[in-house]
Structures are given as structure tokens and as C-alpha cells.
C-alpha atoms as a PDB file:
ATOM      1  CA  MET A   1       2.224  -4.773  13.091  1.00  0.00           C
ATOM      2  CA  ASN A   2      -0.569  -7.209  12.305  1.00  0.00           C
ATOM      3  CA  ARG A   3      -3.830  -6.543  10.446  1.00  0.00           C
ATOM      4  CA  ASP A   4      -5.739  -5.404  13.550  1.00  0.00           C
ATOM      5  CA  GLU A   5      -2.944  -2.993  14.493  1.00  0.00           C
ATOM      6  CA  ILE A   6      -2.855  -1.654  10.933  1.00  0.00           C
ATOM      7  CA  LYS A   7      -6.561  -0.828  11.271  1.00  0.00           C
ATOM      8  CA  THR A   8      -5.670   1.614  14.073  1.00  0.00           C
ATOM      9  CA  ILE A   9      -3.739   3.644  11.484  1.00  0.00           C
ATOM     10  CA  LEU A  10      -5.469   3.117   8.139  1.00  0.00           C
ATOM     11  CA  PRO A  11      -9.164   3.876   7.619  1.00  0.00           C
ATOM     12  CA  HIS A  12      -9.387   1.040   5.046  1.00  0.00           C
ATOM     13  CA  ARG A  13     -11.550  -1.980   5.818  1.00  0.00           C
ATOM     14  CA  GLU A  14     -12.344  -5.221   4.038  1.00  0.00           C
ATOM     15  CA  PRO A  15     -12.415  -5.732   1.141  1.00  0.00           C
ATOM     16  CA  MET A  16     -10.076  -2.738   0.509  1.00  0.00           C
ATOM     17  CA  LEU A  17      -7.590  -3.415   3.308  1.00  0.00           C
ATOM     18  CA  LEU A  18      -4.811  -5.034   1.281  1.00  0.00           C
ATOM     19  CA  LEU A  19      -2.075  -5.457   3.856  1.00  0.00           C
ATOM     20  CA  ASP A  20      -1.470  -8.391   6.215  1.00  0.00           C
ATOM     21  CA  GLU A  21       1.449  -6.962   8.185  1.00  0.00           C
ATOM     22  CA  ALA A  22       3.794  -3.974   8.230  1.00  0.00           C
ATOM     23  CA  HIS A  23       7.129  -3.234   9.886  1.00  0.00           C
ATOM     24  CA  LEU A  24       9.082  -0.048  10.516  1.00  0.00           C
ATOM     25  CA  ASN A  25      12.736  -0.727   9.739  1.00  0.00           C
ATOM     26  CA  GLU A  26      15.687   0.719  11.672  1.00  0.00           C
ATOM     27  CA  ASP A  27      16.705   2.827   8.660  1.00  0.00           C
ATOM     28  CA  GLY A  28      13.326   4.620   8.621  1.00  0.00           C
ATOM     29  CA  THR A  29      11.873   2.627   5.726  1.00  0.00           C
ATOM     30  CA  ALA A  30       8.770   0.428   5.885  1.00  0.00           C
ATOM     31  CA  THR A  31       8.132  -3.134   4.752  1.00  0.00           C
ATOM     32  CA  GLY A  32       4.668  -4.570   4.237  1.00  0.00           C
ATOM     33  CA  TYR A  33       3.342  -7.989   3.246  1.00  0.00           C
ATOM     34  CA  TYR A  34       0.201  -9.241   1.572  1.00  0.00           C
ATOM     35  CA  THR A  35      -0.593 -12.794   0.465  1.00  0.00           C
ATOM     36  CA  VAL A  36      -2.889 -13.021  -2.552  1.00  0.00           C
ATOM     37  CA  LYS A  37      -5.566 -15.548  -1.617  1.00  0.00           C
ATOM     38  CA  GLY A  38      -7.229 -15.890  -5.023  1.00  0.00           C
ATOM     39  CA  ASP A  39     -10.785 -15.022  -4.012  1.00  0.00           C
ATOM     40  CA  GLU A  40     -10.308 -11.227  -3.826  1.00  0.00           C
ATOM     41  CA  PHE A  41     -12.939  -9.048  -5.525  1.00  0.00           C
ATOM     42  CA  PHE A  42     -10.406  -7.641  -7.985  1.00  0.00           C
ATOM     43  CA  LEU A  43      -9.577 -11.098  -9.359  1.00  0.00           C
ATOM     44  CA  GLN A  44     -13.168 -12.079 -10.185  1.00  0.00           C
ATOM     45  CA  GLY A  45     -12.901 -10.927 -13.796  1.00  0.00           C
ATOM     46  CA  HIS A  46      -9.199 -10.154 -14.190  1.00  0.00           C
ATOM     47  CA  PHE A  47      -8.763 -12.528 -16.036  1.00  0.00           C
ATOM     48  CA  PRO A  48     -11.182 -15.503 -16.178  1.00  0.00           C
ATOM     49  CA  ASP A  49      -8.526 -17.961 -17.443  1.00  0.00           C
ATOM     50  CA  LYS A  50      -5.514 -16.563 -15.537  1.00  0.00           C
ATOM     51  CA  LYS A  51      -6.071 -14.469 -12.449  1.00  0.00           C
ATOM     52  CA  VAL A  52      -3.605 -11.564 -12.335  1.00  0.00           C
ATOM     53  CA  VAL A  53      -3.529  -8.815  -9.681  1.00  0.00           C
ATOM     54  CA  PRO A  54      -4.352  -5.581 -11.565  1.00  0.00           C
ATOM     55  CA  GLY A  55      -1.692  -2.876 -11.646  1.00  0.00           C
ATOM     56  CA  VAL A  56      -3.957  -0.349  -9.967  1.00  0.00           C
ATOM     57  CA  ILE A  57      -4.399  -2.755  -7.031  1.00  0.00           C
ATOM     58  CA  GLN A  58      -0.626  -3.193  -6.801  1.00  0.00           C
ATOM     59  CA  CYS A  59      -0.367   0.608  -6.543  1.00  0.00           C
ATOM     60  CA  GLU A  60      -2.924   0.596  -3.721  1.00  0.00           C
ATOM     61  CA  ILE A  61      -1.043  -2.154  -1.877  1.00  0.00           C
ATOM     62  CA  MET A  62       2.147  -0.102  -2.226  1.00  0.00           C
ATOM     63  CA  ALA A  63       0.507   2.978  -0.725  1.00  0.00           C
ATOM     64  CA  GLN A  64      -1.067   1.077   2.170  1.00  0.00           C
ATOM     65  CA  SER A  65       2.282  -0.496   3.027  1.00  0.00           C
ATOM     66  CA  ALA A  66       3.669   2.939   3.888  1.00  0.00           C
ATOM     67  CA  CYS A  67       1.099   3.370   6.690  1.00  0.00           C
ATOM     68  CA  ILE A  68       3.520   2.563   9.485  1.00  0.00           C
ATOM     69  CA  LEU A  69       5.729   5.491   8.430  1.00  0.00           C
ATOM     70  CA  PHE A  70       2.865   7.810   9.354  1.00  0.00           C
ATOM     71  CA  ALA A  71       1.489   6.139  12.466  1.00  0.00           C
ATOM     72  CA  ASP A  72       2.186   9.204  14.599  1.00  0.00           C
ATOM     73  CA  LYS A  73       0.265  11.439  12.166  1.00  0.00           C
ATOM     74  CA  MET A  74      -2.654   9.064  11.611  1.00  0.00           C
ATOM     75  CA  GLN A  75      -3.214   6.740  14.563  1.00  0.00           C
ATOM     76  CA  GLY A  76      -6.358   7.658  16.464  1.00  0.00           C
ATOM     77  CA  LYS A  77      -6.868  10.826  14.436  1.00  0.00           C
ATOM     78  CA  GLU A  78      -9.659  11.807  12.082  1.00  0.00           C
ATOM     79  CA  VAL A  79      -7.568  11.916   8.927  1.00  0.00           C
ATOM     80  CA  LEU A  80      -7.602  10.325   5.478  1.00  0.00           C
ATOM     81  CA  PRO A  81      -4.535   9.446   3.416  1.00  0.00           C
ATOM     82  CA  LEU A  82      -5.419  10.440  -0.159  1.00  0.00           C
ATOM     83  CA  TYR A  83      -3.420   9.634  -3.287  1.00  0.00           C
ATOM     84  CA  THR A  84      -2.258  12.784  -5.094  1.00  0.00           C
ATOM     85  CA  GLY A  85      -0.084  11.217  -7.758  1.00  0.00           C
ATOM     86  CA  LEU A  86       1.831   8.324  -9.270  1.00  0.00           C
ATOM     87  CA  ASP A  87       5.042   8.679 -11.265  1.00  0.00           C
ATOM     88  CA  LYS A  88       7.595   6.368 -12.873  1.00  0.00           C
ATOM     89  CA  VAL A  89       5.394   3.322 -12.202  1.00  0.00           C
ATOM     90  CA  ARG A  90       6.694   0.208 -13.953  1.00  0.00           C
ATOM     91  CA  PHE A  91       5.296  -3.331 -13.974  1.00  0.00           C
ATOM     92  CA  ARG A  92       7.890  -6.045 -14.489  1.00  0.00           C
ATOM     93  CA  GLY A  93       6.148  -9.263 -13.531  1.00  0.00           C
ATOM     94  CA  MET A  94       2.734 -10.740 -12.844  1.00  0.00           C
ATOM     95  CA  VAL A  95       1.368 -11.105  -9.314  1.00  0.00           C
ATOM     96  CA  LEU A  96      -0.775 -14.223  -9.013  1.00  0.00           C
ATOM     97  CA  PRO A  97      -2.900 -16.056  -6.414  1.00  0.00           C
ATOM     98  CA  GLY A  98      -0.707 -17.672  -3.781  1.00  0.00           C
ATOM     99  CA  ASP A  99       2.029 -15.052  -4.118  1.00  0.00           C
ATOM    100  CA  LYS A 100       3.321 -13.431  -0.942  1.00  0.00           C
ATOM    101  CA  ILE A 101       4.013  -9.838  -1.877  1.00  0.00           C
ATOM    102  CA  ARG A 102       6.741  -7.853  -0.130  1.00  0.00           C
ATOM    103  CA  ILE A 103       6.499  -4.080  -0.388  1.00  0.00           C
ATOM    104  CA  ASP A 104       9.357  -1.766   0.584  1.00  0.00           C
ATOM    105  CA  THR A 105       8.684   1.964   0.837  1.00  0.00           C
ATOM    106  CA  LYS A 106      10.738   5.004   1.751  1.00  0.00           C
ATOM    107  CA  ILE A 107      10.058   8.710   2.041  1.00  0.00           C
ATOM    108  CA  LEU A 108      11.722  10.852  -0.621  1.00  0.00           C
ATOM    109  CA  ARG A 109      10.301  14.249   0.445  1.00  0.00           C
ATOM    110  CA  GLU A 110       7.846  15.504   2.991  1.00  0.00           C
ATOM    111  CA  SER A 111       6.134  18.754   3.754  1.00  0.00           C
ATOM    112  CA  HIS A 112       3.122  17.911   5.892  1.00  0.00           C
ATOM    113  CA  PRO A 113       0.441  17.227   4.766  1.00  0.00           C
ATOM    114  CA  MET A 114       2.132  16.242   1.455  1.00  0.00           C
ATOM    115  CA  TYR A 115       4.494  13.268   1.074  1.00  0.00           C
ATOM    116  CA  LEU A 116       6.467  11.798  -1.824  1.00  0.00           C
ATOM    117  CA  LEU A 117       7.599   8.173  -1.518  1.00  0.00           C
ATOM    118  CA  HIS A 118       9.210   5.411  -3.539  1.00  0.00           C
ATOM    119  CA  GLY A 119       8.030   1.827  -3.371  1.00  0.00           C
ATOM    120  CA  GLU A 120       9.024  -1.557  -4.743  1.00  0.00           C
ATOM    121  CA  LEU A 121       6.835  -4.642  -4.814  1.00  0.00           C
ATOM    122  CA  THR A 122       8.563  -8.028  -5.029  1.00  0.00           C
ATOM    123  CA  VAL A 123       7.539 -11.686  -5.006  1.00  0.00           C
ATOM    124  CA  GLU A 124      10.223 -14.188  -3.956  1.00  0.00           C
ATOM    125  CA  GLY A 125      12.900 -11.540  -4.511  1.00  0.00           C
ATOM    126  CA  LYS A 126      11.764 -10.715  -8.064  1.00  0.00           C
ATOM    127  CA  LYS A 127      10.737  -7.082  -8.641  1.00  0.00           C
ATOM    128  CA  CYS A 128       7.182  -6.992 -10.001  1.00  0.00           C
ATOM    129  CA  MET A 129       6.412  -3.281  -9.690  1.00  0.00           C
ATOM    130  CA  SER A 130       8.071  -0.051  -8.643  1.00  0.00           C
ATOM    131  CA  GLY A 131       7.230   3.610  -8.656  1.00  0.00           C
ATOM    132  CA  ASP A 132       6.995   6.930  -6.890  1.00  0.00           C
ATOM    133  CA  PHE A 133       3.757   7.998  -5.291  1.00  0.00           C
ATOM    134  CA  SER A 134       2.498  11.012  -3.445  1.00  0.00           C
ATOM    135  CA  PHE A 135      -0.328  11.487  -1.038  1.00  0.00           C
ATOM    136  CA  ALA A 136      -1.733  13.945   1.429  1.00  0.00           C
ATOM    137  CA  ILE A 137      -2.898  13.290   4.963  1.00  0.00           C
ATOM    138  CA  MET A 138      -6.106  15.295   5.100  1.00  0.00           C
ATOM    139  CA  ASN A 139      -8.430  16.194   7.942  1.00  0.00           C
ATOM    140  CA  ASN A 140     -11.553  14.013   7.786  1.00  0.00           C
ATOM    141  CA  LYS A 141     -13.766  16.277   9.886  1.00  0.00           C
ATOM    142  CA  GLU A 142     -16.719  17.704   8.031  1.00  0.00           C
ATOM    143  CA  GLU A 143     -16.628  21.442   7.732  1.00  0.00           C
ATOM    144  CA  LYS A 144     -19.923  23.251   8.087  1.00  0.00           C
END
């Protein structure tokens, strides 16, 4: 799935769409990719002498990479995927401009609309971040 196809699932748009491509694997897991260009908004002051992708942005990239796992629940529907928690998040290496990030995610538990997943973010095979995250797929229609 390319960026335009991802936009049919995720409500995110530039500059918050942080995923270049995503694939559903035969084993039911998902793999996403994002290349850090160096001019992203989150690098403008983090840090002036050595640009490093902030941990909170890595967590967002991890969550977005799971989108393909929920295409049937989200595509063409008025829903929002909302973070409900992060657990066991660990940062093991810096993510820098020019890095091509690979994100692997899998579902640990699900009870619609709530989902618990595990994700790992790597650069050139080196684990940079991992953690469990939960989110809910919520109706986006305004209630009167």
C-alpha cells in the first residue's frame, strides 16, 4: 500500500502522516516504512546540532504502521483511531535524517473497538524502539 492508499484508511494528513508504505503479511502482521527526510516539523528544534526523531513521534509512526491491519474497519468509514495507552516502550537507538524506518506490528488482543498491539521499529536491522500500544476505533460522527 502506498501513501495515497494509506490515506483511504487513516484520517492523518501532512504533516502528521508519517508512513510511506504499509504491507499486510501472510501471518497477519503488518510492516510499514517511513524514510526520515530531515525537514520534518518535529526535527526543527530537536536538536539544533543533531537532529533526532523524538520518541513520541516514533510511537506515532508505530501506531500508524498498524493501519493496514484495520483496513476493513476503517476504510471509507467515519471513524478515528485514538491512542488509549502505551506500555513497555523502550528506546534503544537514535533515528536520524536519512534513516529508512521499518515498523513491524502485530495484534496481541482485540475486542472491538479496543485493540492491544506490539510494535518494533528498526533501522537497517537494528532495533531502535519497541513497545505495546492500545487504541480504540471510534465513531467520528458528531452526536447531537
